[in-house]
Amino acid sequence: RAPDRARYWLIEALKRDPLDLEARLQLARLDRDLGSFDAAREDLKTLLATNAAYAPARRELALLALDAGDAVAARDELDALLASDDNVDLDTLMNAARAHLLLGDGQGAEERVVRAQKLPGAAQSAEELLDLRARALIAEHKAADAVAMLRKTLPNALRGETPALLMEAYLDLEQSERATEVVRLAPPRARLGIDLLVA
């Protein structure tokens, strides 16, 4: 299997150079992707013992915490990274917003999404950012604002999450007829997406 081969070669690289930060980081990512959270955590602890300020490892530790269900640790690590302008990037802001949402902090999530939307390259993730912002607005009990934003995007939606969030916002406003209508108005590519079924 490809992951087993990749793991083998990363371990071999670390035998040759135990201080190879990138190989250790890739091994931690592979372990996390395979669901081996304990192994990934050990890889990252070893890496951070070598260089505690290594931002990619700290970011990976936060993602590991998110995957393991520890939103508090993820939020704290991501927010600490974001305190330095050197570490502000789209993925870090989006993951920080997700961690804040998991903790019920819609305002904190929205602040991070708004910051992310101003970054170069944000256009490539525009709909995902919009969906994160809509989730934040819904969490803040601002369903009407979420509806206004999502209705503009619905005709061009690529993700099933967009119509699902619009439906959720309408239901929060107790407008079930409009929520039902969303499925009919959504483009087929979004209407048939698995995101619509699970969002």
C-alpha atoms as a PDB file:
ATOM      1  CA  ARG A   1       0.000   0.000   0.000  1.00  0.00           C
ATOM      2  CA  ALA A   2       1.120   3.529  -0.759  1.00  0.00           C
ATOM      3  CA  PRO A   3       0.781   4.836   2.844  1.00  0.00           C
ATOM      4  CA  ASP A   4       2.853   1.928   4.157  1.00  0.00           C
ATOM      5  CA  ARG A   5       5.582   2.607   1.598  1.00  0.00           C
ATOM      6  CA  ALA A   6       5.534   6.319   2.367  1.00  0.00           C
ATOM      7  CA  ARG A   7       5.770   5.587   6.096  1.00  0.00           C
ATOM      8  CA  TYR A   8       8.689   3.210   5.494  1.00  0.00           C
ATOM      9  CA  TRP A   9      10.641   5.804   3.481  1.00  0.00           C
ATOM     10  CA  LEU A  10       9.961   8.566   5.998  1.00  0.00           C
ATOM     11  CA  ILE A  11      11.210   6.361   8.832  1.00  0.00           C
ATOM     12  CA  GLU A  12      14.299   5.501   6.766  1.00  0.00           C
ATOM     13  CA  ALA A  13      14.934   9.203   6.167  1.00  0.00           C
ATOM     14  CA  LEU A  14      14.683   9.840   9.910  1.00  0.00           C
ATOM     15  CA  LYS A  15      17.128   7.024  10.643  1.00  0.00           C
ATOM     16  CA  ARG A  16      19.640   8.795   8.400  1.00  0.00           C
ATOM     17  CA  ASP A  17      18.852  12.236   9.844  1.00  0.00           C
ATOM     18  CA  PRO A  18      16.786  12.250  13.049  1.00  0.00           C
ATOM     19  CA  LEU A  19      16.676  16.068  12.919  1.00  0.00           C
ATOM     20  CA  ASP A  20      14.979  16.188   9.502  1.00  0.00           C
ATOM     21  CA  LEU A  21      12.032  18.402  10.486  1.00  0.00           C
ATOM     22  CA  GLU A  22      10.185  18.040   7.194  1.00  0.00           C
ATOM     23  CA  ALA A  23      10.371  14.216   7.183  1.00  0.00           C
ATOM     24  CA  ARG A  24       9.109  14.089  10.779  1.00  0.00           C
ATOM     25  CA  LEU A  25       6.300  16.527   9.938  1.00  0.00           C
ATOM     26  CA  GLN A  26       5.281  14.440   6.912  1.00  0.00           C
ATOM     27  CA  LEU A  27       5.292  11.307   9.067  1.00  0.00           C
ATOM     28  CA  ALA A  28       3.035  13.030  11.628  1.00  0.00           C
ATOM     29  CA  ARG A  29       0.654  14.113   8.842  1.00  0.00           C
ATOM     30  CA  LEU A  30       0.576  10.603   7.428  1.00  0.00           C
ATOM     31  CA  ASP A  31      -0.099   9.117  10.866  1.00  0.00           C
ATOM     32  CA  ARG A  32      -2.904  11.653  11.462  1.00  0.00           C
ATOM     33  CA  ASP A  33      -4.432  10.924   8.044  1.00  0.00           C
ATOM     34  CA  LEU A  34      -4.365   7.199   8.861  1.00  0.00           C
ATOM     35  CA  GLY A  35      -6.060   7.834  12.209  1.00  0.00           C
ATOM     36  CA  SER A  36      -2.956   6.931  14.236  1.00  0.00           C
ATOM     37  CA  PHE A  37      -3.348   9.934  16.527  1.00  0.00           C
ATOM     38  CA  ASP A  38      -1.005   8.661  19.249  1.00  0.00           C
ATOM     39  CA  ALA A  39       1.794   8.056  16.745  1.00  0.00           C
ATOM     40  CA  ALA A  40       1.209  11.470  15.172  1.00  0.00           C
ATOM     41  CA  ARG A  41       1.276  13.113  18.607  1.00  0.00           C
ATOM     42  CA  GLU A  42       4.600  11.411  19.430  1.00  0.00           C
ATOM     43  CA  ASP A  43       6.072  12.503  16.081  1.00  0.00           C
ATOM     44  CA  LEU A  44       5.032  16.090  16.784  1.00  0.00           C
ATOM     45  CA  LYS A  45       6.300  16.045  20.377  1.00  0.00           C
ATOM     46  CA  THR A  46       9.670  14.845  19.112  1.00  0.00           C
ATOM     47  CA  LEU A  47       9.686  17.522  16.435  1.00  0.00           C
ATOM     48  CA  LEU A  48       8.681  20.315  18.812  1.00  0.00           C
ATOM     49  CA  ALA A  49      11.299  19.187  21.348  1.00  0.00           C
ATOM     50  CA  THR A  50      13.837  19.933  18.603  1.00  0.00           C
ATOM     51  CA  ASN A  51      12.283  23.272  17.587  1.00  0.00           C
ATOM     52  CA  ALA A  52       9.389  24.505  19.763  1.00  0.00           C
ATOM     53  CA  ALA A  53       8.703  27.470  17.482  1.00  0.00           C
ATOM     54  CA  TYR A  54       8.344  25.426  14.269  1.00  0.00           C
ATOM     55  CA  ALA A  55       4.985  26.781  13.051  1.00  0.00           C
ATOM     56  CA  PRO A  56       4.114  23.938  10.631  1.00  0.00           C
ATOM     57  CA  ALA A  57       4.415  21.425  13.493  1.00  0.00           C
ATOM     58  CA  ARG A  58       2.313  23.598  15.802  1.00  0.00           C
ATOM     59  CA  ARG A  59      -0.303  23.903  13.056  1.00  0.00           C
ATOM     60  CA  GLU A  60      -0.284  20.128  12.597  1.00  0.00           C
ATOM     61  CA  LEU A  61      -0.648  19.657  16.370  1.00  0.00           C
ATOM     62  CA  ALA A  62      -3.740  21.889  16.264  1.00  0.00           C
ATOM     63  CA  LEU A  63      -5.231  19.873  13.376  1.00  0.00           C
ATOM     64  CA  LEU A  64      -4.528  16.686  15.285  1.00  0.00           C
ATOM     65  CA  ALA A  65      -6.360  18.140  18.290  1.00  0.00           C
ATOM     66  CA  LEU A  66      -9.320  19.037  16.034  1.00  0.00           C
ATOM     67  CA  ASP A  67      -9.425  15.521  14.597  1.00  0.00           C
ATOM     68  CA  ALA A  68      -9.199  14.024  18.091  1.00  0.00           C
ATOM     69  CA  GLY A  69     -12.120  16.168  19.275  1.00  0.00           C
ATOM     70  CA  ASP A  70     -10.124  18.580  21.447  1.00  0.00           C
ATOM     71  CA  ALA A  71     -11.424  21.891  20.081  1.00  0.00           C
ATOM     72  CA  VAL A  72     -10.054  23.850  23.058  1.00  0.00           C
ATOM     73  CA  ALA A  73      -6.461  22.741  22.411  1.00  0.00           C
ATOM     74  CA  ALA A  74      -6.908  23.346  18.667  1.00  0.00           C
ATOM     75  CA  ARG A  75      -8.328  26.831  19.217  1.00  0.00           C
ATOM     76  CA  ASP A  76      -5.603  27.773  21.672  1.00  0.00           C
ATOM     77  CA  GLU A  77      -2.780  26.579  19.412  1.00  0.00           C
ATOM     78  CA  LEU A  78      -4.220  28.156  16.252  1.00  0.00           C
ATOM     79  CA  ASP A  79      -4.936  31.476  17.981  1.00  0.00           C
ATOM     80  CA  ALA A  80      -1.392  31.480  19.385  1.00  0.00           C
ATOM     81  CA  LEU A  81      -0.061  30.949  15.855  1.00  0.00           C
ATOM     82  CA  LEU A  82      -2.256  33.752  14.520  1.00  0.00           C
ATOM     83  CA  ALA A  83      -0.805  36.163  17.082  1.00  0.00           C
ATOM     84  CA  SER A  84       2.239  36.424  14.791  1.00  0.00           C
ATOM     85  CA  ASP A  85       1.726  37.927  11.335  1.00  0.00           C
ATOM     86  CA  ASP A  86       4.232  35.400   9.986  1.00  0.00           C
ATOM     87  CA  ASN A  87       1.744  32.584  10.642  1.00  0.00           C
ATOM     88  CA  VAL A  88      -1.399  34.185   9.231  1.00  0.00           C
ATOM     89  CA  ASP A  89      -2.596  32.144   6.285  1.00  0.00           C
ATOM     90  CA  LEU A  90      -5.891  30.970   4.884  1.00  0.00           C
ATOM     91  CA  ASP A  91      -5.778  27.424   6.289  1.00  0.00           C
ATOM     92  CA  THR A  92      -4.815  28.541   9.790  1.00  0.00           C
ATOM     93  CA  LEU A  93      -7.604  31.127   9.886  1.00  0.00           C
ATOM     94  CA  MET A  94     -10.188  28.674   8.526  1.00  0.00           C
ATOM     95  CA  ASN A  95      -9.201  25.961  10.995  1.00  0.00           C
ATOM     96  CA  ALA A  96      -9.234  28.482  13.845  1.00  0.00           C
ATOM     97  CA  ALA A  97     -12.755  29.483  12.776  1.00  0.00           C
ATOM     98  CA  ARG A  98     -13.797  25.807  12.806  1.00  0.00           C
ATOM     99  CA  ALA A  99     -12.387  25.359  16.318  1.00  0.00           C
ATOM    100  CA  HIS A 100     -14.244  28.446  17.544  1.00  0.00           C
ATOM    101  CA  LEU A 101     -17.466  27.152  15.982  1.00  0.00           C
ATOM    102  CA  LEU A 102     -17.068  23.781  17.692  1.00  0.00           C
ATOM    103  CA  LEU A 103     -16.872  25.652  20.984  1.00  0.00           C
ATOM    104  CA  GLY A 104     -20.000  27.693  20.211  1.00  0.00           C
ATOM    105  CA  ASP A 105     -18.048  30.919  19.650  1.00  0.00           C
ATOM    106  CA  GLY A 106     -19.724  32.259  16.528  1.00  0.00           C
ATOM    107  CA  GLN A 107     -18.275  35.747  16.931  1.00  0.00           C
ATOM    108  CA  GLY A 108     -14.707  34.427  17.218  1.00  0.00           C
ATOM    109  CA  ALA A 109     -15.276  32.248  14.163  1.00  0.00           C
ATOM    110  CA  GLU A 110     -16.717  35.116  12.161  1.00  0.00           C
ATOM    111  CA  GLU A 111     -13.776  37.376  13.038  1.00  0.00           C
ATOM    112  CA  ARG A 112     -11.340  34.780  11.700  1.00  0.00           C
ATOM    113  CA  VAL A 113     -13.354  34.211   8.530  1.00  0.00           C
ATOM    114  CA  VAL A 114     -13.539  37.952   7.825  1.00  0.00           C
ATOM    115  CA  ARG A 115      -9.757  38.121   8.250  1.00  0.00           C
ATOM    116  CA  ALA A 116      -9.311  35.145   5.915  1.00  0.00           C
ATOM    117  CA  GLN A 117     -11.547  36.691   3.256  1.00  0.00           C
ATOM    118  CA  LYS A 118      -9.124  39.632   3.010  1.00  0.00           C
ATOM    119  CA  LEU A 119      -6.092  37.459   2.240  1.00  0.00           C
ATOM    120  CA  PRO A 120      -4.663  36.979  -1.247  1.00  0.00           C
ATOM    121  CA  GLY A 121      -5.870  33.649  -2.588  1.00  0.00           C
ATOM    122  CA  ALA A 122      -9.102  33.725  -0.588  1.00  0.00           C
ATOM    123  CA  ALA A 123     -11.109  33.720  -3.829  1.00  0.00           C
ATOM    124  CA  GLN A 124     -10.127  30.065  -4.376  1.00  0.00           C
ATOM    125  CA  SER A 125     -11.951  29.162  -1.158  1.00  0.00           C
ATOM    126  CA  ALA A 126     -14.701  31.774  -1.410  1.00  0.00           C
ATOM    127  CA  GLU A 127     -17.656  29.412  -1.032  1.00  0.00           C
ATOM    128  CA  GLU A 128     -16.079  27.472   1.821  1.00  0.00           C
ATOM    129  CA  LEU A 129     -15.341  30.764   3.600  1.00  0.00           C
ATOM    130  CA  LEU A 130     -18.881  31.936   2.978  1.00  0.00           C
ATOM    131  CA  ASP A 131     -20.241  28.684   4.432  1.00  0.00           C
ATOM    132  CA  LEU A 132     -18.019  29.064   7.511  1.00  0.00           C
ATOM    133  CA  ARG A 133     -19.230  32.638   7.950  1.00  0.00           C
ATOM    134  CA  ALA A 134     -22.845  31.521   7.573  1.00  0.00           C
ATOM    135  CA  ARG A 135     -22.286  28.879  10.270  1.00  0.00           C
ATOM    136  CA  ALA A 136     -20.858  31.599  12.497  1.00  0.00           C
ATOM    137  CA  LEU A 137     -23.837  33.876  11.881  1.00  0.00           C
ATOM    138  CA  ILE A 138     -26.261  31.054  12.644  1.00  0.00           C
ATOM    139  CA  ALA A 139     -24.346  30.309  15.863  1.00  0.00           C
ATOM    140  CA  GLU A 140     -24.650  34.011  16.767  1.00  0.00           C
ATOM    141  CA  HIS A 141     -28.431  33.830  16.211  1.00  0.00           C
ATOM    142  CA  LYS A 142     -28.152  36.057  13.133  1.00  0.00           C
ATOM    143  CA  ALA A 143     -30.034  33.734  10.789  1.00  0.00           C
ATOM    144  CA  ALA A 144     -31.465  36.644   8.772  1.00  0.00           C
ATOM    145  CA  ASP A 145     -27.925  37.841   7.962  1.00  0.00           C
ATOM    146  CA  ALA A 146     -26.955  34.291   6.985  1.00  0.00           C
ATOM    147  CA  VAL A 147     -30.006  34.047   4.690  1.00  0.00           C
ATOM    148  CA  ALA A 148     -29.163  37.340   2.967  1.00  0.00           C
ATOM    149  CA  MET A 149     -25.601  36.200   2.320  1.00  0.00           C
ATOM    150  CA  LEU A 150     -26.422  32.633   1.252  1.00  0.00           C
ATOM    151  CA  ARG A 151     -29.287  33.590  -1.095  1.00  0.00           C
ATOM    152  CA  LYS A 152     -26.824  35.592  -3.211  1.00  0.00           C
ATOM    153  CA  THR A 153     -24.534  32.574  -3.525  1.00  0.00           C
ATOM    154  CA  LEU A 154     -27.138  29.834  -3.989  1.00  0.00           C
ATOM    155  CA  PRO A 155     -27.498  30.105  -7.804  1.00  0.00           C
ATOM    156  CA  ASN A 156     -23.759  29.484  -8.258  1.00  0.00           C
ATOM    157  CA  ALA A 157     -23.228  27.088  -5.363  1.00  0.00           C
ATOM    158  CA  LEU A 158     -20.805  24.239  -5.949  1.00  0.00           C
ATOM    159  CA  ARG A 159     -21.037  22.726  -2.479  1.00  0.00           C
ATOM    160  CA  GLY A 160     -24.043  21.004  -0.946  1.00  0.00           C
ATOM    161  CA  GLU A 161     -23.234  22.728   2.332  1.00  0.00           C
ATOM    162  CA  THR A 162     -24.402  26.097   0.953  1.00  0.00           C
ATOM    163  CA  PRO A 163     -28.054  25.120   0.364  1.00  0.00           C
ATOM    164  CA  ALA A 164     -28.039  23.058   3.576  1.00  0.00           C
ATOM    165  CA  LEU A 165     -26.968  26.108   5.577  1.00  0.00           C
ATOM    166  CA  LEU A 166     -29.582  28.253   3.854  1.00  0.00           C
ATOM    167  CA  MET A 167     -32.211  25.697   4.807  1.00  0.00           C
ATOM    168  CA  GLU A 168     -30.948  25.701   8.406  1.00  0.00           C
ATOM    169  CA  ALA A 169     -31.071  29.505   8.539  1.00  0.00           C
ATOM    170  CA  TYR A 170     -34.649  29.539   7.202  1.00  0.00           C
ATOM    171  CA  LEU A 171     -35.652  26.934   9.778  1.00  0.00           C
ATOM    172  CA  ASP A 172     -34.106  29.069  12.528  1.00  0.00           C
ATOM    173  CA  LEU A 173     -36.345  31.885  11.270  1.00  0.00           C
ATOM    174  CA  GLU A 174     -39.298  29.459  11.343  1.00  0.00           C
ATOM    175  CA  GLN A 175     -39.780  29.732   7.572  1.00  0.00           C
ATOM    176  CA  SER A 176     -40.144  26.058   6.697  1.00  0.00           C
ATOM    177  CA  GLU A 177     -41.757  26.749   3.292  1.00  0.00           C
ATOM    178  CA  ARG A 178     -38.712  28.713   2.189  1.00  0.00           C
ATOM    179  CA  ALA A 179     -36.387  26.038   3.586  1.00  0.00           C
ATOM    180  CA  THR A 180     -38.166  23.425   1.463  1.00  0.00           C
ATOM    181  CA  GLU A 181     -37.919  25.655  -1.600  1.00  0.00           C
ATOM    182  CA  VAL A 182     -34.102  25.827  -1.318  1.00  0.00           C
ATOM    183  CA  VAL A 183     -33.649  22.284  -2.651  1.00  0.00           C
ATOM    184  CA  ARG A 184     -35.572  23.205  -5.799  1.00  0.00           C
ATOM    185  CA  LEU A 185     -33.627  26.452  -6.287  1.00  0.00           C
ATOM    186  CA  ALA A 186     -30.175  25.001  -5.697  1.00  0.00           C
ATOM    187  CA  PRO A 187     -28.161  24.093  -8.805  1.00  0.00           C
ATOM    188  CA  PRO A 188     -28.010  20.333  -9.467  1.00  0.00           C
ATOM    189  CA  ARG A 189     -24.285  20.127  -8.653  1.00  0.00           C
ATOM    190  CA  ALA A 190     -25.003  21.419  -5.130  1.00  0.00           C
ATOM    191  CA  ARG A 191     -28.357  19.695  -4.756  1.00  0.00           C
ATOM    192  CA  LEU A 192     -26.855  16.278  -5.428  1.00  0.00           C
ATOM    193  CA  GLY A 193     -23.770  16.763  -3.267  1.00  0.00           C
ATOM    194  CA  ILE A 194     -23.223  14.609  -0.228  1.00  0.00           C
ATOM    195  CA  ASP A 195     -22.691  17.820   1.786  1.00  0.00           C
ATOM    196  CA  LEU A 196     -26.372  18.646   1.439  1.00  0.00           C
ATOM    197  CA  LEU A 197     -27.286  15.326   2.996  1.00  0.00           C
ATOM    198  CA  VAL A 198     -24.951  15.597   5.983  1.00  0.00           C
ATOM    199  CA  ALA A 199     -24.567  19.347   6.592  1.00  0.00           C
END
